[in-house]
Amino acid sequence: MVIIQSIREMKRFVRREKQKGNTLGFVPTMGSLHKGHMSLVNRAVEENDVTIMSIFVNPLQFGPGEDFDQYPRDFEKDEQTARKAGVDVIFYPSTEEMYPREPAVTISVDKRTDVLCGKSRPGHFDGVATVLTKLFHITMPDRVYFGEKDAQQIAVVESLIQDFNFPVELVACPTVRESDGLAKSSRNIYLTGDERREASALHESLQKGAELYQDGEQSTKRIRERVLAVLNDRLTRAEIEYVEVLTYPDLKAVEQCNGRMIIALAVHFGAARLIDNMILGEETQSISSGISHHLLSEVN
């Protein structure tokens, strides 16, 4: 495995691999790797000749008062984890390497961001889109891999790829969960023992909402109320930020379920902000079925 820290060297590596005719899979991360990240790597290794992982805690996607400085960082551990999983290259740039000066041009995301996480984190997805634009140009991947836990991010990235004609396939991979259903997250380490036990209610509440839908309920209000009822009953140490039932991937509020829908939630356990979601729709129970095989034409 190779570790590359400079943009120039990363682009040189990519050019060599492209000349050999190798396909490149890309897994962008902020480090603090867990089994969820490894599921993305496993898929990338399976589908590509070369797997590139970036580890970069992007300051542009953190707002004032968020946990940028406290975000868990352990590169030595991440390096060992990535090596065992079969990553070929870690792109590990510094903040100064990625942003040597204040950007004169950034990306502004106008749709799919005024709800869910975007509603309480203004500018967050602008930062995500800006860093991904840079990373796509630097790594020039054939496929990029994201976890379905970050469903709003996937919706935004889908728009980014389509609107800017990036020659990359977006592959959405199923959420990896603990035995009690809690979605794997780098922020789970912030939970106390009691909070961790309560956190299993997140997935349970989504399941109850999905069961109501499967029983024929079409009212988004009643599905949302079912999810909230479970959370309010089970959570004593958390603050609920939102529970929403929206169309997907457009993320529009509607009164009646219509086609593909998402139940999404966010809660705060002290310093830990946890998100989770579930897709509703008879044709698909996975985000990836609508995205992972969508390969955009390459730009000549």
C-alpha atoms as a PDB file:
ATOM      1  CA  MET A   1       0.000   0.000   0.000  1.00  0.00           C
ATOM      2  CA  VAL A   2       1.199   3.483  -0.904  1.00  0.00           C
ATOM      3  CA  ILE A   3       0.594   6.656   1.120  1.00  0.00           C
ATOM      4  CA  ILE A   4       0.503   9.859  -0.925  1.00  0.00           C
ATOM      5  CA  GLN A   5       0.269  13.300   0.620  1.00  0.00           C
ATOM      6  CA  SER A   6       0.706  15.681  -2.305  1.00  0.00           C
ATOM      7  CA  ILE A   7      -1.820  16.442  -5.017  1.00  0.00           C
ATOM      8  CA  ARG A   8       0.891  16.427  -7.685  1.00  0.00           C
ATOM      9  CA  GLU A   9       2.086  12.947  -6.718  1.00  0.00           C
ATOM     10  CA  MET A  10      -1.496  11.644  -6.513  1.00  0.00           C
ATOM     11  CA  LYS A  11      -2.276  12.906 -10.013  1.00  0.00           C
ATOM     12  CA  ARG A  12       0.953  11.384 -11.307  1.00  0.00           C
ATOM     13  CA  PHE A  13      -0.026   8.016  -9.813  1.00  0.00           C
ATOM     14  CA  VAL A  14      -3.485   8.204 -11.376  1.00  0.00           C
ATOM     15  CA  ARG A  15      -2.060   8.999 -14.817  1.00  0.00           C
ATOM     16  CA  ARG A  16       0.194   5.927 -14.658  1.00  0.00           C
ATOM     17  CA  GLU A  17      -2.684   3.648 -13.668  1.00  0.00           C
ATOM     18  CA  LYS A  18      -4.931   5.062 -16.393  1.00  0.00           C
ATOM     19  CA  GLN A  19      -2.196   4.462 -18.970  1.00  0.00           C
ATOM     20  CA  LYS A  20      -2.088   0.829 -17.877  1.00  0.00           C
ATOM     21  CA  GLY A  21      -5.829   0.587 -18.484  1.00  0.00           C
ATOM     22  CA  ASN A  22      -6.633   0.011 -14.806  1.00  0.00           C
ATOM     23  CA  THR A  23      -9.984   0.980 -13.314  1.00  0.00           C
ATOM     24  CA  LEU A  24      -9.956   3.102 -10.170  1.00  0.00           C
ATOM     25  CA  GLY A  25     -12.341   2.813  -7.233  1.00  0.00           C
ATOM     26  CA  PHE A  26     -12.420   5.707  -4.775  1.00  0.00           C
ATOM     27  CA  VAL A  27     -13.548   5.698  -1.134  1.00  0.00           C
ATOM     28  CA  PRO A  28     -13.525   9.243   0.328  1.00  0.00           C
ATOM     29  CA  THR A  29     -13.370   9.287   4.131  1.00  0.00           C
ATOM     30  CA  MET A  30     -12.482  11.519   7.059  1.00  0.00           C
ATOM     31  CA  GLY A  31     -10.683   8.663   8.768  1.00  0.00           C
ATOM     32  CA  SER A  32     -11.576   7.044  12.106  1.00  0.00           C
ATOM     33  CA  LEU A  33     -12.269   3.971  10.016  1.00  0.00           C
ATOM     34  CA  HIS A  34     -14.802   1.341  11.074  1.00  0.00           C
ATOM     35  CA  LYS A  35     -16.594  -1.642   9.520  1.00  0.00           C
ATOM     36  CA  GLY A  36     -18.869   0.644   7.556  1.00  0.00           C
ATOM     37  CA  HIS A  37     -15.889   2.111   5.730  1.00  0.00           C
ATOM     38  CA  MET A  38     -14.481  -1.370   5.202  1.00  0.00           C
ATOM     39  CA  SER A  39     -17.681  -2.500   3.502  1.00  0.00           C
ATOM     40  CA  LEU A  40     -17.113   0.298   0.975  1.00  0.00           C
ATOM     41  CA  VAL A  41     -13.498  -0.789   0.522  1.00  0.00           C
ATOM     42  CA  ASN A  42     -14.512  -4.415   0.039  1.00  0.00           C
ATOM     43  CA  ARG A  43     -16.911  -3.405  -2.719  1.00  0.00           C
ATOM     44  CA  ALA A  44     -14.308  -1.157  -4.340  1.00  0.00           C
ATOM     45  CA  VAL A  45     -11.643  -3.872  -4.267  1.00  0.00           C
ATOM     46  CA  GLU A  46     -14.085  -6.336  -5.803  1.00  0.00           C
ATOM     47  CA  GLU A  47     -15.090  -4.026  -8.655  1.00  0.00           C
ATOM     48  CA  ASN A  48     -11.849  -2.227  -9.554  1.00  0.00           C
ATOM     49  CA  ASP A  49      -8.206  -2.866 -10.378  1.00  0.00           C
ATOM     50  CA  VAL A  50      -6.984  -0.190  -7.957  1.00  0.00           C
ATOM     51  CA  THR A  51      -8.652   1.122  -4.783  1.00  0.00           C
ATOM     52  CA  ILE A  52      -7.870   4.630  -3.562  1.00  0.00           C
ATOM     53  CA  MET A  53      -8.968   5.879  -0.155  1.00  0.00           C
ATOM     54  CA  SER A  54      -8.731   9.506   0.882  1.00  0.00           C
ATOM     55  CA  ILE A  55      -8.407  10.438   4.540  1.00  0.00           C
ATOM     56  CA  PHE A  56      -9.064  14.124   4.982  1.00  0.00           C
ATOM     57  CA  VAL A  57     -11.047  15.921   7.684  1.00  0.00           C
ATOM     58  CA  ASN A  58     -12.537  18.655   5.541  1.00  0.00           C
ATOM     59  CA  PRO A  59     -12.883  21.957   7.429  1.00  0.00           C
ATOM     60  CA  LEU A  60     -15.305  23.396   4.878  1.00  0.00           C
ATOM     61  CA  GLN A  61     -18.089  21.027   5.917  1.00  0.00           C
ATOM     62  CA  PHE A  62     -17.934  21.858   9.637  1.00  0.00           C
ATOM     63  CA  GLY A  63     -19.903  24.823  10.921  1.00  0.00           C
ATOM     64  CA  PRO A  64     -19.163  27.062  13.922  1.00  0.00           C
ATOM     65  CA  GLY A  65     -19.352  25.104  17.169  1.00  0.00           C
ATOM     66  CA  GLU A  66     -19.204  21.708  15.440  1.00  0.00           C
ATOM     67  CA  ASP A  67     -16.623  19.050  16.282  1.00  0.00           C
ATOM     68  CA  PHE A  68     -13.888  19.757  13.703  1.00  0.00           C
ATOM     69  CA  ASP A  69     -11.120  20.044  16.310  1.00  0.00           C
ATOM     70  CA  GLN A  70     -12.439  17.090  18.329  1.00  0.00           C
ATOM     71  CA  TYR A  71     -13.205  14.844  15.349  1.00  0.00           C
ATOM     72  CA  PRO A  72     -11.401  11.531  16.039  1.00  0.00           C
ATOM     73  CA  ARG A  73      -8.078  11.209  14.222  1.00  0.00           C
ATOM     74  CA  ASP A  74      -5.749   8.194  14.403  1.00  0.00           C
ATOM     75  CA  PHE A  75      -3.869   7.828  11.142  1.00  0.00           C
ATOM     76  CA  GLU A  76      -1.649   4.963  12.273  1.00  0.00           C
ATOM     77  CA  LYS A  77      -4.687   2.862  13.178  1.00  0.00           C
ATOM     78  CA  ASP A  78      -6.461   3.886   9.978  1.00  0.00           C
ATOM     79  CA  GLU A  79      -3.405   2.950   7.927  1.00  0.00           C
ATOM     80  CA  GLN A  80      -3.321  -0.551   9.406  1.00  0.00           C
ATOM     81  CA  THR A  81      -7.067  -1.005   8.882  1.00  0.00           C
ATOM     82  CA  ALA A  82      -6.905   0.156   5.270  1.00  0.00           C
ATOM     83  CA  ARG A  83      -3.894  -2.039   4.523  1.00  0.00           C
ATOM     84  CA  LYS A  84      -5.622  -5.163   5.852  1.00  0.00           C
ATOM     85  CA  ALA A  85      -8.732  -4.376   3.799  1.00  0.00           C
ATOM     86  CA  GLY A  86      -6.793  -4.226   0.544  1.00  0.00           C
ATOM     87  CA  VAL A  87      -6.582  -0.475  -0.107  1.00  0.00           C
ATOM     88  CA  ASP A  88      -3.858   0.204  -2.679  1.00  0.00           C
ATOM     89  CA  VAL A  89      -3.367   3.924  -2.051  1.00  0.00           C
ATOM     90  CA  ILE A  90      -4.217   6.273   0.795  1.00  0.00           C
ATOM     91  CA  PHE A  91      -4.407   9.903  -0.270  1.00  0.00           C
ATOM     92  CA  TYR A  92      -3.660  11.746   2.972  1.00  0.00           C
ATOM     93  CA  PRO A  93      -3.264  15.475   2.247  1.00  0.00           C
ATOM     94  CA  SER A  94      -2.909  18.222   4.806  1.00  0.00           C
ATOM     95  CA  THR A  95      -5.365  21.087   5.023  1.00  0.00           C
ATOM     96  CA  GLU A  96      -2.671  23.340   3.560  1.00  0.00           C
ATOM     97  CA  GLU A  97      -2.230  20.976   0.618  1.00  0.00           C
ATOM     98  CA  MET A  98      -5.956  20.928  -0.186  1.00  0.00           C
ATOM     99  CA  TYR A  99      -6.556  24.620   0.558  1.00  0.00           C
ATOM    100  CA  PRO A 100      -3.244  26.482   0.154  1.00  0.00           C
ATOM    101  CA  ARG A 101      -5.173  29.769   0.124  1.00  0.00           C
ATOM    102  CA  GLU A 102      -8.720  30.873   0.731  1.00  0.00           C
ATOM    103  CA  PRO A 103     -10.759  29.459  -2.163  1.00  0.00           C
ATOM    104  CA  ALA A 104     -11.843  31.999  -4.750  1.00  0.00           C
ATOM    105  CA  VAL A 105     -14.418  29.532  -6.092  1.00  0.00           C
ATOM    106  CA  THR A 106     -16.563  27.112  -4.099  1.00  0.00           C
ATOM    107  CA  ILE A 107     -19.607  24.985  -4.894  1.00  0.00           C
ATOM    108  CA  SER A 108     -23.063  26.092  -3.729  1.00  0.00           C
ATOM    109  CA  VAL A 109     -25.691  23.352  -3.513  1.00  0.00           C
ATOM    110  CA  ASP A 110     -29.139  24.825  -4.145  1.00  0.00           C
ATOM    111  CA  LYS A 111     -31.420  21.789  -3.919  1.00  0.00           C
ATOM    112  CA  ARG A 112     -31.862  18.794  -1.581  1.00  0.00           C
ATOM    113  CA  THR A 113     -30.184  20.699   1.278  1.00  0.00           C
ATOM    114  CA  ASP A 114     -32.954  22.675   3.007  1.00  0.00           C
ATOM    115  CA  VAL A 115     -34.166  19.644   4.977  1.00  0.00           C
ATOM    116  CA  LEU A 116     -32.702  16.958   7.258  1.00  0.00           C
ATOM    117  CA  CYS A 117     -29.050  17.618   8.151  1.00  0.00           C
ATOM    118  CA  GLY A 118     -28.765  20.525   5.740  1.00  0.00           C
ATOM    119  CA  LYS A 119     -31.465  22.488   7.545  1.00  0.00           C
ATOM    120  CA  SER A 120     -29.474  22.783  10.771  1.00  0.00           C
ATOM    121  CA  ARG A 121     -26.030  22.801   9.126  1.00  0.00           C
ATOM    122  CA  PRO A 122     -26.034  25.675   6.603  1.00  0.00           C
ATOM    123  CA  GLY A 123     -23.076  25.439   4.267  1.00  0.00           C
ATOM    124  CA  HIS A 124     -22.302  21.836   5.197  1.00  0.00           C
ATOM    125  CA  PHE A 125     -23.137  20.370   1.800  1.00  0.00           C
ATOM    126  CA  ASP A 126     -21.431  23.262   0.021  1.00  0.00           C
ATOM    127  CA  GLY A 127     -18.265  22.111   1.794  1.00  0.00           C
ATOM    128  CA  VAL A 128     -18.912  18.475   0.899  1.00  0.00           C
ATOM    129  CA  ALA A 129     -19.500  19.315  -2.762  1.00  0.00           C
ATOM    130  CA  THR A 130     -16.424  21.553  -2.924  1.00  0.00           C
ATOM    131  CA  VAL A 131     -14.030  18.973  -1.484  1.00  0.00           C
ATOM    132  CA  LEU A 132     -15.499  16.167  -3.607  1.00  0.00           C
ATOM    133  CA  THR A 133     -15.088  18.276  -6.736  1.00  0.00           C
ATOM    134  CA  LYS A 134     -11.415  18.666  -5.879  1.00  0.00           C
ATOM    135  CA  LEU A 135     -11.015  14.978  -4.991  1.00  0.00           C
ATOM    136  CA  PHE A 136     -12.732  13.804  -8.182  1.00  0.00           C
ATOM    137  CA  HIS A 137     -10.342  15.905 -10.261  1.00  0.00           C
ATOM    138  CA  ILE A 138      -7.327  14.681  -8.292  1.00  0.00           C
ATOM    139  CA  THR A 139      -8.142  10.945  -8.244  1.00  0.00           C
ATOM    140  CA  MET A 140     -10.184  10.655 -11.490  1.00  0.00           C
ATOM    141  CA  PRO A 141     -12.025   7.528 -10.292  1.00  0.00           C
ATOM    142  CA  ASP A 142     -14.219   5.265 -12.372  1.00  0.00           C
ATOM    143  CA  ARG A 143     -16.410   4.561  -9.332  1.00  0.00           C
ATOM    144  CA  VAL A 144     -16.905   6.315  -6.006  1.00  0.00           C
ATOM    145  CA  TYR A 145     -18.363   4.581  -2.947  1.00  0.00           C
ATOM    146  CA  PHE A 146     -20.621   5.995  -0.218  1.00  0.00           C
ATOM    147  CA  GLY A 147     -22.607   4.426   2.614  1.00  0.00           C
ATOM    148  CA  GLU A 148     -26.389   4.650   2.586  1.00  0.00           C
ATOM    149  CA  LYS A 149     -26.419   5.923   6.185  1.00  0.00           C
ATOM    150  CA  ASP A 150     -25.608   9.346   4.736  1.00  0.00           C
ATOM    151  CA  ALA A 151     -28.608   9.307   2.393  1.00  0.00           C
ATOM    152  CA  GLN A 152     -28.846  13.069   1.995  1.00  0.00           C
ATOM    153  CA  GLN A 153     -25.173  13.210   1.110  1.00  0.00           C
ATOM    154  CA  ILE A 154     -25.717  10.554  -1.554  1.00  0.00           C
ATOM    155  CA  ALA A 155     -28.594  12.594  -3.005  1.00  0.00           C
ATOM    156  CA  VAL A 156     -26.363  15.688  -3.140  1.00  0.00           C
ATOM    157  CA  VAL A 157     -23.432  13.795  -4.657  1.00  0.00           C
ATOM    158  CA  GLU A 158     -25.730  12.288  -7.293  1.00  0.00           C
ATOM    159  CA  SER A 159     -26.703  15.843  -8.301  1.00  0.00           C
ATOM    160  CA  LEU A 160     -23.062  16.968  -8.272  1.00  0.00           C
ATOM    161  CA  ILE A 161     -22.026  14.151 -10.607  1.00  0.00           C
ATOM    162  CA  GLN A 162     -24.945  14.708 -12.975  1.00  0.00           C
ATOM    163  CA  ASP A 163     -24.836  18.507 -13.060  1.00  0.00           C
ATOM    164  CA  PHE A 164     -21.069  18.705 -13.622  1.00  0.00           C
ATOM    165  CA  ASN A 165     -20.843  15.656 -15.914  1.00  0.00           C
ATOM    166  CA  PHE A 166     -18.207  13.886 -13.844  1.00  0.00           C
ATOM    167  CA  PRO A 167     -17.273  10.599 -15.578  1.00  0.00           C
ATOM    168  CA  VAL A 168     -17.752   8.578 -12.407  1.00  0.00           C
ATOM    169  CA  GLU A 169     -20.263   5.976 -11.236  1.00  0.00           C
ATOM    170  CA  LEU A 170     -21.788   6.554  -7.801  1.00  0.00           C
ATOM    171  CA  VAL A 171     -22.078   3.297  -5.853  1.00  0.00           C
ATOM    172  CA  ALA A 172     -24.232   3.430  -2.715  1.00  0.00           C
ATOM    173  CA  CYS A 173     -23.537   0.608  -0.253  1.00  0.00           C
ATOM    174  CA  PRO A 174     -25.906  -0.677   2.466  1.00  0.00           C
ATOM    175  CA  THR A 175     -25.533   0.692   5.984  1.00  0.00           C
ATOM    176  CA  VAL A 176     -23.404  -1.513   8.228  1.00  0.00           C
ATOM    177  CA  ARG A 177     -24.967  -1.995  11.650  1.00  0.00           C
ATOM    178  CA  GLU A 178     -24.140  -3.286  15.098  1.00  0.00           C
ATOM    179  CA  SER A 179     -25.930  -6.428  16.306  1.00  0.00           C
ATOM    180  CA  ASP A 180     -28.688  -4.278  17.864  1.00  0.00           C
ATOM    181  CA  GLY A 181     -29.198  -2.265  14.683  1.00  0.00           C
ATOM    182  CA  LEU A 182     -27.233   0.897  15.503  1.00  0.00           C
ATOM    183  CA  ALA A 183     -25.572   2.224  12.366  1.00  0.00           C
ATOM    184  CA  LYS A 184     -21.773   2.201  12.437  1.00  0.00           C
ATOM    185  CA  SER A 185     -20.423   5.731  12.846  1.00  0.00           C
ATOM    186  CA  SER A 186     -17.139   7.383  13.771  1.00  0.00           C
ATOM    187  CA  ARG A 187     -19.110   9.393  16.338  1.00  0.00           C
ATOM    188  CA  ASN A 188     -20.353   6.314  18.214  1.00  0.00           C
ATOM    189  CA  ILE A 189     -17.184   6.461  20.309  1.00  0.00           C
ATOM    190  CA  TYR A 190     -18.617   9.564  22.003  1.00  0.00           C
ATOM    191  CA  LEU A 191     -21.488   7.548  23.545  1.00  0.00           C
ATOM    192  CA  THR A 192     -21.510   6.550  27.198  1.00  0.00           C
ATOM    193  CA  GLY A 193     -22.603   3.037  28.079  1.00  0.00           C
ATOM    194  CA  ASP A 194     -26.151   4.118  28.915  1.00  0.00           C
ATOM    195  CA  GLU A 195     -26.388   6.254  25.778  1.00  0.00           C
ATOM    196  CA  ARG A 196     -25.124   3.388  23.649  1.00  0.00           C
ATOM    197  CA  ARG A 197     -27.857   1.108  24.977  1.00  0.00           C
ATOM    198  CA  GLU A 198     -30.532   3.700  24.244  1.00  0.00           C
ATOM    199  CA  ALA A 199     -29.175   4.346  20.759  1.00  0.00           C
ATOM    200  CA  SER A 200     -30.558   1.037  19.490  1.00  0.00           C
ATOM    201  CA  ALA A 201     -33.949   2.785  19.506  1.00  0.00           C
ATOM    202  CA  LEU A 202     -32.989   4.705  16.359  1.00  0.00           C
ATOM    203  CA  HIS A 203     -33.111   1.679  14.079  1.00  0.00           C
ATOM    204  CA  GLU A 204     -36.067   0.217  15.958  1.00  0.00           C
ATOM    205  CA  SER A 205     -38.081   3.378  15.375  1.00  0.00           C
ATOM    206  CA  LEU A 206     -37.327   3.307  11.643  1.00  0.00           C
ATOM    207  CA  GLN A 207     -38.404  -0.314  11.470  1.00  0.00           C
ATOM    208  CA  LYS A 208     -41.719   0.531  13.144  1.00  0.00           C
ATOM    209  CA  GLY A 209     -42.299   3.299  10.622  1.00  0.00           C
ATOM    210  CA  ALA A 210     -41.497   0.950   7.741  1.00  0.00           C
ATOM    211  CA  GLU A 211     -43.841  -1.697   9.155  1.00  0.00           C
ATOM    212  CA  LEU A 212     -46.686   0.838   9.258  1.00  0.00           C
ATOM    213  CA  TYR A 213     -46.016   1.699   5.602  1.00  0.00           C
ATOM    214  CA  GLN A 214     -45.912  -1.976   4.629  1.00  0.00           C
ATOM    215  CA  ASP A 215     -49.275  -2.455   6.347  1.00  0.00           C
ATOM    216  CA  GLY A 216     -50.729   0.070   3.906  1.00  0.00           C
ATOM    217  CA  GLU A 217     -50.327   3.422   5.652  1.00  0.00           C
ATOM    218  CA  GLN A 218     -49.663   6.207   3.129  1.00  0.00           C
ATOM    219  CA  SER A 219     -49.850   9.258   5.399  1.00  0.00           C
ATOM    220  CA  THR A 220     -46.356  10.631   5.952  1.00  0.00           C
ATOM    221  CA  LYS A 221     -47.630  12.363   9.095  1.00  0.00           C
ATOM    222  CA  ARG A 222     -48.783   9.109  10.679  1.00  0.00           C
ATOM    223  CA  ILE A 223     -45.577   7.284   9.719  1.00  0.00           C
ATOM    224  CA  ARG A 224     -43.547  10.102  11.246  1.00  0.00           C
ATOM    225  CA  GLU A 225     -45.668   9.988  14.402  1.00  0.00           C
ATOM    226  CA  ARG A 226     -45.035   6.260  14.761  1.00  0.00           C
ATOM    227  CA  VAL A 227     -41.268   6.797  14.574  1.00  0.00           C
ATOM    228  CA  LEU A 228     -41.414   9.659  17.079  1.00  0.00           C
ATOM    229  CA  ALA A 229     -43.516   7.594  19.474  1.00  0.00           C
ATOM    230  CA  VAL A 230     -40.812   4.925  19.671  1.00  0.00           C
ATOM    231  CA  LEU A 231     -38.053   7.483  20.152  1.00  0.00           C
ATOM    232  CA  ASN A 232     -39.933   9.406  22.818  1.00  0.00           C
ATOM    233  CA  ASP A 233     -40.680   6.168  24.653  1.00  0.00           C
ATOM    234  CA  ARG A 234     -37.108   4.833  24.547  1.00  0.00           C
ATOM    235  CA  LEU A 235     -34.852   7.878  24.705  1.00  0.00           C
ATOM    236  CA  THR A 236     -34.172   9.586  28.030  1.00  0.00           C
ATOM    237  CA  ARG A 237     -30.650  10.860  27.345  1.00  0.00           C
ATOM    238  CA  ALA A 238     -31.020  12.198  23.811  1.00  0.00           C
ATOM    239  CA  GLU A 239     -32.483  15.241  22.080  1.00  0.00           C
ATOM    240  CA  ILE A 240     -34.348  14.564  18.836  1.00  0.00           C
ATOM    241  CA  GLU A 241     -33.229  16.971  16.112  1.00  0.00           C
ATOM    242  CA  TYR A 242     -35.574  15.785  13.385  1.00  0.00           C
ATOM    243  CA  VAL A 243     -37.688  12.936  12.073  1.00  0.00           C
ATOM    244  CA  GLU A 244     -38.856  13.374   8.487  1.00  0.00           C
ATOM    245  CA  VAL A 245     -40.633  11.333   5.812  1.00  0.00           C
ATOM    246  CA  LEU A 246     -39.736  12.713   2.372  1.00  0.00           C
ATOM    247  CA  THR A 247     -39.541  11.754  -1.282  1.00  0.00           C
ATOM    248  CA  TYR A 248     -36.180  10.336  -2.329  1.00  0.00           C
ATOM    249  CA  PRO A 249     -33.816  11.448  -3.744  1.00  0.00           C
ATOM    250  CA  ASP A 250     -35.511  14.836  -4.286  1.00  0.00           C
ATOM    251  CA  LEU A 251     -36.207  15.193  -0.529  1.00  0.00           C
ATOM    252  CA  LYS A 252     -39.568  16.893  -0.919  1.00  0.00           C
ATOM    253  CA  ALA A 253     -42.218  17.057   1.816  1.00  0.00           C
ATOM    254  CA  VAL A 254     -45.531  15.479   0.771  1.00  0.00           C
ATOM    255  CA  GLU A 255     -48.667  14.474   2.667  1.00  0.00           C
ATOM    256  CA  GLN A 256     -49.024  11.043   1.051  1.00  0.00           C
ATOM    257  CA  CYS A 257     -46.300   8.557   0.170  1.00  0.00           C
ATOM    258  CA  ASN A 258     -45.683   8.698  -3.551  1.00  0.00           C
ATOM    259  CA  GLY A 259     -43.069   6.409  -5.083  1.00  0.00           C
ATOM    260  CA  ARG A 260     -39.726   6.155  -3.386  1.00  0.00           C
ATOM    261  CA  MET A 261     -39.653   7.651   0.119  1.00  0.00           C
ATOM    262  CA  ILE A 262     -37.161   8.005   2.951  1.00  0.00           C
ATOM    263  CA  ILE A 263     -37.670   8.048   6.712  1.00  0.00           C
ATOM    264  CA  ALA A 264     -34.696   9.905   8.167  1.00  0.00           C
ATOM    265  CA  LEU A 265     -33.784  11.009  11.678  1.00  0.00           C
ATOM    266  CA  ALA A 266     -31.076  12.698  13.700  1.00  0.00           C
ATOM    267  CA  VAL A 267     -30.610  12.725  17.477  1.00  0.00           C
ATOM    268  CA  HIS A 268     -28.039  14.183  19.851  1.00  0.00           C
ATOM    269  CA  PHE A 269     -26.504  12.226  22.708  1.00  0.00           C
ATOM    270  CA  GLY A 270     -24.341  14.900  24.276  1.00  0.00           C
ATOM    271  CA  ALA A 271     -21.431  15.395  21.886  1.00  0.00           C
ATOM    272  CA  ALA A 272     -22.600  12.625  19.549  1.00  0.00           C
ATOM    273  CA  ARG A 273     -24.924  13.548  16.704  1.00  0.00           C
ATOM    274  CA  LEU A 274     -26.267  10.335  15.165  1.00  0.00           C
ATOM    275  CA  ILE A 275     -28.221   9.948  11.927  1.00  0.00           C
ATOM    276  CA  ASP A 276     -30.018   7.009  10.336  1.00  0.00           C
ATOM    277  CA  ASN A 277     -32.600   6.339   7.645  1.00  0.00           C
ATOM    278  CA  MET A 278     -34.690   3.754   5.862  1.00  0.00           C
ATOM    279  CA  ILE A 279     -35.994   3.723   2.299  1.00  0.00           C
ATOM    280  CA  LEU A 280     -39.665   2.969   1.611  1.00  0.00           C
ATOM    281  CA  GLY A 281     -40.968   1.718  -1.723  1.00  0.00           C
ATOM    282  CA  GLU A 282     -42.080  -1.599  -3.106  1.00  0.00           C
ATOM    283  CA  GLU A 283     -39.544  -1.589  -5.915  1.00  0.00           C
ATOM    284  CA  THR A 284     -36.539  -0.796  -3.751  1.00  0.00           C
ATOM    285  CA  GLN A 285     -35.507  -1.019  -0.126  1.00  0.00           C
ATOM    286  CA  SER A 286     -32.001   0.177  -0.919  1.00  0.00           C
ATOM    287  CA  ILE A 287     -30.706   3.478  -2.190  1.00  0.00           C
ATOM    288  CA  SER A 288     -28.083   1.665  -4.250  1.00  0.00           C
ATOM    289  CA  SER A 289     -30.572  -0.031  -6.548  1.00  0.00           C
ATOM    290  CA  GLY A 290     -31.360   3.314  -8.123  1.00  0.00           C
ATOM    291  CA  ILE A 291     -27.806   4.607  -8.302  1.00  0.00           C
ATOM    292  CA  SER A 292     -25.071   1.980  -8.264  1.00  0.00           C
ATOM    293  CA  HIS A 293     -25.472   0.949 -11.881  1.00  0.00           C
ATOM    294  CA  HIS A 294     -25.764   4.460 -13.239  1.00  0.00           C
ATOM    295  CA  LEU A 295     -22.520   5.045 -15.113  1.00  0.00           C
ATOM    296  CA  LEU A 296     -22.119   8.456 -16.647  1.00  0.00           C
ATOM    297  CA  SER A 297     -20.475   8.772 -20.044  1.00  0.00           C
ATOM    298  CA  GLU A 298     -16.846   9.735 -19.949  1.00  0.00           C
ATOM    299  CA  VAL A 299     -15.847  13.198 -21.072  1.00  0.00           C
ATOM    300  CA  ASN A 300     -13.573  12.930 -24.123  1.00  0.00           C
END
